[in-house]
Amino acid sequence: MSAAKVAELNDRLRKHGTGNGRVMVTRSIRELGPEFELAALVHVRAFDAFTRDNDPHGERDYGSFDLKGHKVLWKIDYFDPSLTKGSEDPGDPLQTHRVLTIMLAEDY
């Protein structure tokens, strides 16, 4: 598995909502209203503050930011195509279904 390939696939889902995956938000994000939910999605798509501390493997699969007084986290998990277990090769889009979850810090 190449970290660069995984990062490319993660960016495709995160920035454009494309590729083999889906974007989910937690109930707590939804409860803050559609404007907050949209603002959180826009921030996730634009996120580029990756460092060795928050992205030690270079896969660009996690981030956090402050939004309207709330700490928002996002993460990408890798599942097999049936979504019943983890993917054996996150760098292979045929074997991997990505799930990007946007949540409040207290959800984690």
Protein backbone atom coordinates (compact mmCIF):
# COMPACT_ATOMS: atom_id res chain seq x y z
CA MET A 1 0.00 0.00 0.00
CA SER A 2 1.40 3.36 -1.03
CA ALA A 3 0.66 6.27 1.34
CA ALA A 4 0.67 8.60 -1.68
CA LYS A 5 -2.03 6.54 -3.43
CA VAL A 6 -4.14 6.38 -0.25
CA ALA A 7 -3.76 10.16 0.19
CA GLU A 8 -4.85 10.73 -3.43
CA LEU A 9 -7.96 8.59 -2.97
CA ASN A 10 -8.73 10.26 0.37
CA ASP A 11 -8.38 13.71 -1.17
CA ARG A 12 -10.70 12.75 -4.01
CA LEU A 13 -13.45 11.84 -1.56
CA ARG A 14 -12.76 14.68 0.89
CA LYS A 15 -12.38 17.51 -1.63
CA HIS A 16 -14.82 16.44 -4.34
CA GLY A 17 -17.09 13.77 -2.87
CA THR A 18 -16.04 11.39 -5.63
CA GLY A 19 -14.54 7.92 -5.67
CA ASN A 20 -15.67 4.78 -3.94
CA GLY A 21 -16.99 6.23 -0.70
CA ARG A 22 -19.50 8.33 1.15
CA VAL A 23 -19.59 11.35 3.42
CA MET A 24 -21.45 11.13 6.72
CA VAL A 25 -22.15 13.67 9.44
CA THR A 26 -23.06 12.89 13.02
CA ARG A 27 -26.37 13.81 14.59
CA SER A 28 -24.69 16.52 16.66
CA ILE A 29 -23.49 18.25 13.47
CA ARG A 30 -27.00 17.99 11.98
CA GLU A 31 -28.57 19.40 15.13
CA LEU A 32 -26.55 22.60 14.71
CA GLY A 33 -28.53 23.28 11.53
CA PRO A 34 -28.04 23.15 7.77
CA GLU A 35 -25.87 26.28 7.65
CA PHE A 36 -23.45 24.81 10.19
CA GLU A 37 -23.44 21.45 8.39
CA LEU A 38 -22.65 23.12 5.06
CA ALA A 39 -19.93 25.28 6.64
CA ALA A 40 -18.35 22.17 8.19
CA LEU A 41 -18.35 20.39 4.82
CA VAL A 42 -16.79 23.41 3.11
CA HIS A 43 -14.05 23.50 5.79
CA VAL A 44 -13.35 19.78 5.38
CA ARG A 45 -13.07 20.13 1.61
CA ALA A 46 -10.65 23.05 1.95
CA PHE A 47 -8.61 21.54 4.80
CA ASP A 48 -4.89 21.55 4.04
CA ALA A 49 -3.26 21.93 7.48
CA PHE A 50 -1.58 18.52 7.37
CA THR A 51 1.57 18.15 9.48
CA ARG A 52 3.70 15.28 10.73
CA ASP A 53 1.83 15.55 14.05
CA ASN A 54 -1.69 15.20 12.65
CA ASP A 55 -0.81 13.11 9.57
CA PRO A 56 2.12 10.87 10.56
CA HIS A 57 1.50 8.32 7.77
CA GLY A 58 0.93 10.88 5.00
CA GLU A 59 -2.52 9.51 4.15
CA ARG A 60 -4.51 12.72 4.80
CA ASP A 61 -7.22 10.78 6.61
CA TYR A 62 -7.88 13.05 9.63
CA GLY A 63 -8.23 16.71 10.48
CA SER A 64 -9.74 19.12 12.96
CA PHE A 65 -10.70 22.78 13.06
CA ASP A 66 -12.74 25.28 15.06
CA LEU A 67 -16.04 26.42 13.59
CA LYS A 68 -18.45 28.87 15.21
CA GLY A 69 -17.26 27.97 18.72
CA HIS A 70 -17.21 24.20 18.12
CA LYS A 71 -14.28 21.83 17.65
CA VAL A 72 -15.00 19.79 14.50
CA LEU A 73 -13.16 16.58 13.58
CA TRP A 74 -13.23 14.57 10.41
CA LYS A 75 -11.77 11.16 9.66
CA ILE A 76 -11.74 8.65 6.86
CA ASP A 77 -12.13 4.94 7.60
CA TYR A 78 -11.46 2.13 5.13
CA PHE A 79 -13.91 -0.74 4.71
CA ASP A 80 -14.26 -3.68 2.37
CA PRO A 81 -16.88 -3.22 -0.38
CA SER A 82 -19.58 -4.85 1.78
CA LEU A 83 -18.87 -2.40 4.64
CA THR A 84 -18.66 -5.34 7.06
CA LYS A 85 -14.93 -5.29 7.86
CA GLY A 86 -11.81 -3.23 7.30
CA SER A 87 -10.21 -3.01 3.90
CA GLU A 88 -7.14 -5.15 3.33
CA ASP A 89 -5.64 -2.56 0.95
CA PRO A 90 -6.81 1.07 1.32
CA GLY A 91 -4.73 1.95 -1.73
CA ASP A 92 -6.89 -0.24 -3.97
CA PRO A 93 -10.19 1.50 -4.81
CA LEU A 94 -11.73 -1.80 -5.94
CA GLN A 95 -11.16 -3.33 -2.49
CA THR A 96 -11.96 -0.25 -0.43
CA HIS A 97 -15.04 1.76 0.39
CA ARG A 98 -14.12 4.99 2.17
CA VAL A 99 -16.33 6.57 4.82
CA LEU A 100 -15.60 10.19 5.67
CA THR A 101 -17.26 11.14 8.96
CA ILE A 102 -17.61 14.75 10.08
CA MET A 103 -18.30 15.12 13.81
CA LEU A 104 -17.98 17.32 16.85
CA ALA A 105 -15.01 16.54 19.08
CA GLU A 106 -17.32 15.30 21.81
CA ASP A 107 -18.71 12.67 19.40
CA TYR A 108 -15.35 10.96 19.17
